[in-house]
N, C-alpha and C. Protein backbone atom coordinates (compact mmCIF):
# COMPACT_ATOMS: atom_id res chain seq x y z
N UNK A 1 11.75 -9.70 17.46
CA UNK A 1 10.29 -9.67 17.01
C UNK A 1 9.80 -10.96 16.34
N UNK A 2 8.61 -11.28 16.68
CA UNK A 2 8.05 -12.49 16.41
C UNK A 2 7.57 -12.33 14.66
N UNK A 3 7.73 -13.36 13.98
CA UNK A 3 7.37 -13.28 12.52
C UNK A 3 6.09 -12.80 12.24
N UNK A 4 5.12 -13.10 13.11
CA UNK A 4 3.66 -12.73 12.83
C UNK A 4 3.57 -11.22 13.10
N UNK A 5 4.55 -10.47 13.78
CA UNK A 5 4.47 -9.05 14.03
C UNK A 5 5.06 -8.22 13.08
N UNK A 6 5.83 -8.93 12.15
CA UNK A 6 6.67 -8.08 11.19
C UNK A 6 5.76 -7.28 10.21
N UNK A 7 4.77 -7.83 9.59
CA UNK A 7 4.01 -7.02 8.65
C UNK A 7 3.00 -6.02 9.32
N UNK A 8 2.59 -6.21 10.50
CA UNK A 8 1.79 -5.12 11.14
C UNK A 8 2.76 -3.95 11.49
N UNK A 9 3.94 -4.31 11.90
CA UNK A 9 4.90 -3.35 12.27
C UNK A 9 5.34 -2.50 11.01
N UNK A 10 5.41 -3.41 9.87
CA UNK A 10 5.89 -2.62 8.68
C UNK A 10 4.75 -1.64 8.15
N UNK A 11 3.53 -1.93 8.09
CA UNK A 11 2.59 -1.11 7.69
C UNK A 11 2.39 0.08 8.53
N UNK A 12 2.44 0.00 9.90
CA UNK A 12 2.42 1.03 10.73
C UNK A 12 3.62 2.04 10.52
N UNK A 13 4.89 1.52 10.43
CA UNK A 13 5.91 2.32 10.23
C UNK A 13 5.90 3.00 8.91
N UNK A 14 5.35 2.40 7.79
CA UNK A 14 5.29 3.08 6.40
C UNK A 14 4.18 4.12 6.70
N UNK A 15 2.98 3.85 7.28
CA UNK A 15 2.08 4.98 7.50
C UNK A 15 2.53 6.03 8.17
N UNK A 16 3.25 5.92 9.29
CA UNK A 16 3.71 7.01 10.17
C UNK A 16 4.80 7.74 9.38
N UNK A 17 5.72 7.07 8.84
CA UNK A 17 6.89 7.76 8.23
C UNK A 17 6.40 8.61 7.03
N UNK A 18 5.56 8.14 6.24
CA UNK A 18 4.98 8.83 5.08
C UNK A 18 3.83 9.77 5.44
N UNK A 19 3.38 9.68 6.61
CA UNK A 19 2.21 10.45 7.14
C UNK A 19 0.84 10.10 6.20
N UNK A 20 0.71 8.95 6.14
CA UNK A 20 -0.43 8.46 5.20
C UNK A 20 -1.51 7.88 6.10
N UNK A 21 -2.77 8.13 5.69
CA UNK A 21 -3.96 7.80 6.62
C UNK A 21 -4.13 6.24 6.46
N UNK A 22 -3.53 5.60 5.46
CA UNK A 22 -3.87 4.12 5.28
C UNK A 22 -2.77 3.50 4.63
N UNK A 23 -2.24 2.42 5.13
CA UNK A 23 -1.24 1.41 4.32
C UNK A 23 -1.62 0.15 4.60
N UNK A 24 -1.64 -0.76 3.54
CA UNK A 24 -1.85 -2.15 3.57
C UNK A 24 -0.75 -2.99 2.94
N UNK A 25 -0.53 -4.12 3.25
CA UNK A 25 0.10 -5.21 2.31
C UNK A 25 -0.85 -6.26 2.28
N UNK A 26 -0.96 -6.55 0.97
CA UNK A 26 -1.73 -7.68 0.50
C UNK A 26 -0.81 -8.88 0.03
N UNK A 27 -0.82 -9.90 0.60
CA UNK A 27 0.10 -11.02 0.20
C UNK A 27 -0.81 -12.19 -0.50
N UNK A 28 -0.25 -12.44 -1.78
CA UNK A 28 -0.98 -13.44 -2.55
C UNK A 28 -0.35 -14.74 -2.19
N UNK A 29 -1.08 -15.80 -1.77
CA UNK A 29 -0.77 -17.03 -1.37
C UNK A 29 -0.31 -17.94 -2.58
N UNK A 30 -0.80 -17.47 -3.73
CA UNK A 30 -0.51 -18.40 -4.89
C UNK A 30 -1.51 -19.56 -5.03
N UNK A 31 -2.44 -19.60 -4.22
CA UNK A 31 -3.60 -20.55 -4.35
C UNK A 31 -4.82 -19.91 -4.79
N UNK A 32 -5.81 -20.73 -4.84
CA UNK A 32 -7.19 -20.31 -5.39
C UNK A 32 -7.74 -19.49 -4.12
N UNK A 33 -7.41 -19.62 -2.98
CA UNK A 33 -7.98 -18.88 -1.91
C UNK A 33 -7.38 -17.38 -1.85
N UNK A 34 -8.10 -16.56 -1.21
CA UNK A 34 -7.73 -15.21 -1.11
C UNK A 34 -6.54 -15.06 -0.14
N UNK A 35 -5.66 -14.29 -0.44
CA UNK A 35 -4.45 -14.07 0.43
C UNK A 35 -4.67 -13.30 1.60
N UNK A 36 -3.74 -12.95 2.28
CA UNK A 36 -3.82 -12.18 3.55
C UNK A 36 -3.68 -10.77 3.33
N UNK A 37 -4.23 -9.94 4.16
CA UNK A 37 -4.16 -8.40 4.20
C UNK A 37 -3.87 -7.97 5.56
N UNK A 38 -2.78 -7.19 5.70
CA UNK A 38 -2.50 -6.53 7.06
C UNK A 38 -2.59 -4.93 6.70
N UNK A 39 -3.40 -4.40 7.47
CA UNK A 39 -3.44 -2.92 7.16
C UNK A 39 -3.43 -2.02 8.48
N UNK A 40 -3.25 -0.80 8.29
CA UNK A 40 -3.18 0.24 9.32
C UNK A 40 -3.83 1.45 8.95
N UNK A 41 -4.74 2.05 9.68
CA UNK A 41 -5.36 3.21 9.41
C UNK A 41 -6.77 3.07 8.75
N UNK A 42 -7.11 4.15 8.17
CA UNK A 42 -8.56 4.01 7.55
C UNK A 42 -8.41 4.51 6.14
N UNK A 43 -8.92 3.82 5.20
CA UNK A 43 -8.84 4.10 3.68
C UNK A 43 -9.96 5.02 3.38
N UNK A 44 -9.64 6.08 2.78
CA UNK A 44 -10.74 7.01 2.17
C UNK A 44 -10.21 7.40 0.81
N UNK A 45 -11.18 7.16 -0.21
CA UNK A 45 -10.85 7.46 -1.51
C UNK A 45 -10.13 6.38 -2.21
N UNK A 46 -9.63 6.73 -3.46
CA UNK A 46 -8.85 5.78 -4.27
C UNK A 46 -7.35 5.51 -3.84
N UNK A 47 -7.14 4.33 -3.49
CA UNK A 47 -5.68 4.15 -3.00
C UNK A 47 -4.68 3.87 -4.15
N UNK A 48 -3.45 4.16 -3.98
CA UNK A 48 -2.13 3.82 -4.79
C UNK A 48 -1.85 2.35 -4.53
N UNK A 49 -1.85 1.60 -5.41
CA UNK A 49 -1.45 0.20 -5.31
C UNK A 49 -0.07 -0.13 -6.04
N UNK A 50 0.99 -0.55 -5.24
CA UNK A 50 2.15 -0.78 -5.89
C UNK A 50 2.40 -2.32 -5.91
N UNK A 51 2.72 -2.98 -7.08
CA UNK A 51 2.90 -4.33 -6.95
C UNK A 51 4.21 -4.79 -6.13
N UNK A 52 4.03 -5.83 -5.41
CA UNK A 52 5.30 -6.38 -4.83
C UNK A 52 5.75 -7.56 -5.54
N UNK A 53 6.93 -7.65 -6.04
CA UNK A 53 7.65 -8.72 -6.85
C UNK A 53 8.77 -9.33 -6.23
N UNK A 54 8.77 -10.47 -6.35
CA UNK A 54 10.13 -11.27 -5.85
C UNK A 54 10.46 -12.28 -6.98
N UNK A 55 11.60 -12.00 -7.43
CA UNK A 55 12.24 -12.80 -8.56
C UNK A 55 11.40 -12.84 -9.80
N UNK A 56 10.90 -11.68 -10.09
CA UNK A 56 9.83 -11.51 -11.22
C UNK A 56 8.46 -12.00 -11.12
N UNK A 57 8.04 -12.57 -9.99
CA UNK A 57 6.79 -13.01 -9.90
C UNK A 57 6.09 -12.20 -8.88
N UNK A 58 4.72 -11.85 -9.17
CA UNK A 58 3.97 -10.99 -8.12
C UNK A 58 3.69 -11.83 -6.95
N UNK A 59 3.94 -11.15 -5.75
CA UNK A 59 3.58 -11.84 -4.57
C UNK A 59 2.61 -11.03 -3.70
N UNK A 60 2.24 -9.78 -4.13
CA UNK A 60 1.29 -9.01 -3.49
C UNK A 60 1.30 -7.66 -3.92
N UNK A 61 0.79 -6.78 -3.01
CA UNK A 61 0.54 -5.36 -3.38
C UNK A 61 0.79 -4.50 -2.01
N UNK A 62 1.54 -3.35 -2.24
CA UNK A 62 1.45 -2.25 -1.25
C UNK A 62 0.36 -1.40 -1.52
N UNK A 63 -0.51 -1.12 -0.64
CA UNK A 63 -1.70 -0.19 -0.80
C UNK A 63 -1.53 0.97 0.00
N UNK A 64 -1.47 2.18 -0.61
CA UNK A 64 -1.28 3.46 0.01
C UNK A 64 -2.51 4.31 -0.08
N UNK A 65 -3.04 4.79 1.07
CA UNK A 65 -4.19 5.72 0.98
C UNK A 65 -3.67 7.07 0.95
N UNK A 66 -4.34 7.76 0.07
CA UNK A 66 -3.95 9.27 -0.18
C UNK A 66 -4.39 10.24 0.87
N UNK A 67 -3.59 11.20 1.08
CA UNK A 67 -4.08 12.20 2.05
C UNK A 67 -5.11 13.03 1.54
N UNK A 68 -5.74 13.66 2.54
CA UNK A 68 -6.82 14.57 2.12
C UNK A 68 -6.30 15.85 1.46
N UNK A 69 -7.26 16.57 0.69
CA UNK A 69 -6.64 17.72 0.08
C UNK A 69 -6.21 18.73 0.92
N UNK A 70 -4.99 19.48 0.70
CA UNK A 70 -4.46 20.38 1.54
C UNK A 70 -3.40 19.71 2.48
N UNK A 71 -3.30 18.43 2.53
CA UNK A 71 -2.11 17.92 3.20
C UNK A 71 -0.83 17.91 2.37
N UNK A 72 0.20 18.65 2.47
CA UNK A 72 1.18 18.68 1.54
C UNK A 72 2.16 17.76 1.74
N UNK A 73 2.94 17.47 0.74
CA UNK A 73 4.00 16.35 0.76
C UNK A 73 5.23 16.64 -0.02
N UNK A 74 6.32 16.55 0.67
CA UNK A 74 7.61 16.88 -0.03
C UNK A 74 7.79 15.79 -1.16
N UNK A 75 7.41 14.66 -0.93
CA UNK A 75 7.38 13.67 -1.93
C UNK A 75 6.69 14.00 -3.30
N UNK A 76 5.42 14.44 -2.99
CA UNK A 76 4.66 14.87 -4.11
C UNK A 76 5.26 16.05 -4.91
N UNK A 77 5.55 17.06 -3.99
CA UNK A 77 5.97 18.47 -4.71
C UNK A 77 7.38 18.16 -5.30
N UNK A 78 8.22 17.24 -4.90
CA UNK A 78 9.47 17.04 -5.38
C UNK A 78 9.39 16.16 -6.68
N UNK A 79 8.37 15.72 -7.12
CA UNK A 79 8.32 14.86 -8.32
C UNK A 79 8.63 13.40 -8.10
N UNK A 80 8.97 13.06 -6.83
CA UNK A 80 9.39 11.75 -6.67
C UNK A 80 8.24 10.68 -6.46
N UNK A 81 7.00 11.20 -6.53
CA UNK A 81 5.85 10.30 -6.41
C UNK A 81 4.79 10.54 -7.41
N UNK A 82 4.24 9.35 -7.87
CA UNK A 82 3.28 9.46 -8.96
C UNK A 82 2.12 10.34 -8.66
N UNK A 83 1.62 11.18 -9.68
CA UNK A 83 0.61 12.08 -9.40
C UNK A 83 -0.74 11.40 -9.16
N UNK A 84 -1.66 11.92 -8.43
CA UNK A 84 -2.99 11.42 -8.30
C UNK A 84 -3.86 11.75 -9.43
N UNK A 85 -4.89 11.10 -9.93
CA UNK A 85 -5.06 9.74 -9.62
C UNK A 85 -3.78 8.73 -10.11
N UNK A 86 -3.83 7.68 -9.48
CA UNK A 86 -2.74 6.69 -9.85
C UNK A 86 -2.84 6.27 -11.33
N UNK A 87 -1.82 5.98 -11.89
CA UNK A 87 -1.73 5.37 -13.28
C UNK A 87 -2.60 4.18 -13.37
N UNK A 88 -3.30 3.88 -14.49
CA UNK A 88 -4.11 2.70 -14.41
C UNK A 88 -3.41 1.38 -14.09
N UNK A 89 -2.08 1.29 -14.40
CA UNK A 89 -1.34 -0.01 -14.09
C UNK A 89 -1.26 -0.13 -12.56
N UNK A 90 -1.47 1.09 -11.81
CA UNK A 90 -1.33 0.88 -10.40
C UNK A 90 -2.59 0.86 -9.61
N UNK A 91 -3.72 0.62 -10.25
CA UNK A 91 -5.02 0.45 -9.67
C UNK A 91 -4.93 -0.80 -8.86
N UNK A 92 -5.60 -0.82 -7.78
CA UNK A 92 -5.64 -1.99 -6.89
C UNK A 92 -6.45 -3.08 -7.52
N UNK A 93 -6.04 -4.30 -7.26
CA UNK A 93 -6.83 -5.49 -7.71
C UNK A 93 -7.92 -5.76 -6.58
N UNK A 94 -9.07 -6.09 -7.03
CA UNK A 94 -10.16 -6.42 -5.98
C UNK A 94 -9.48 -7.44 -4.94
N UNK A 95 -9.79 -7.25 -3.71
CA UNK A 95 -9.41 -8.16 -2.73
C UNK A 95 -10.61 -9.12 -2.47
N UNK A 96 -10.41 -10.27 -1.94
CA UNK A 96 -11.45 -11.15 -1.55
C UNK A 96 -11.73 -12.06 -2.53
């Protein structure tokens, strides 16, 4: 697999595996310019954003779109997933 295909493949695999309508990875370049975002699907509603950290330094976010009401989840019902709405610490940072 070519390096530039890794993130698109990752977000598609996460979206399909967790049956989520939207998944994105936002990468922080560490510069004043906006980082890059690779996404899959369509975002509807408030996303859950999980920080991506490498050796204690933030390097980006994993953005997960929530399912529509009525779409069950073993992760949600098993208590292995934070409840919606996301905790304030997990709110997405503005992109761009």
